Amino acid sequence: MLKIQRSSDKEVLYSLSGHIESEDVTELRRLLSLETAGETVALDLKEITLIDRDTLGFLADCECENIKLKNCPAYVREWLDCNKRVECG
């Protein structure tokens, strides 16, 4: 189960905790689409315990869209770095 908490100060920060699964990606995309254009957005992954393959693709897309990934687990960062997309967008 995924828990999402939004806060806003200098940037919009979504703190995520738990498991991110395929069905959660749709909701995360929806929430991110509601943010004002030009606003700095970040996902805090500190409390994430498990992600699936679809989520890895979603996180790669986030980076392409200049959404920051904070406290990204090492195994996720390694996968993202090894599988950088040739083109963003």
Foldseek 3Di string as FASTA:
>chain_A
DKDWDWDDDQAIEIEIAEEAEPVNLVVVVVVVVPDDPPGAAEYECQHYDYYDPVVLVSVLLCVLVNHHYHNDDPVSVVVCVVCRDPHHD
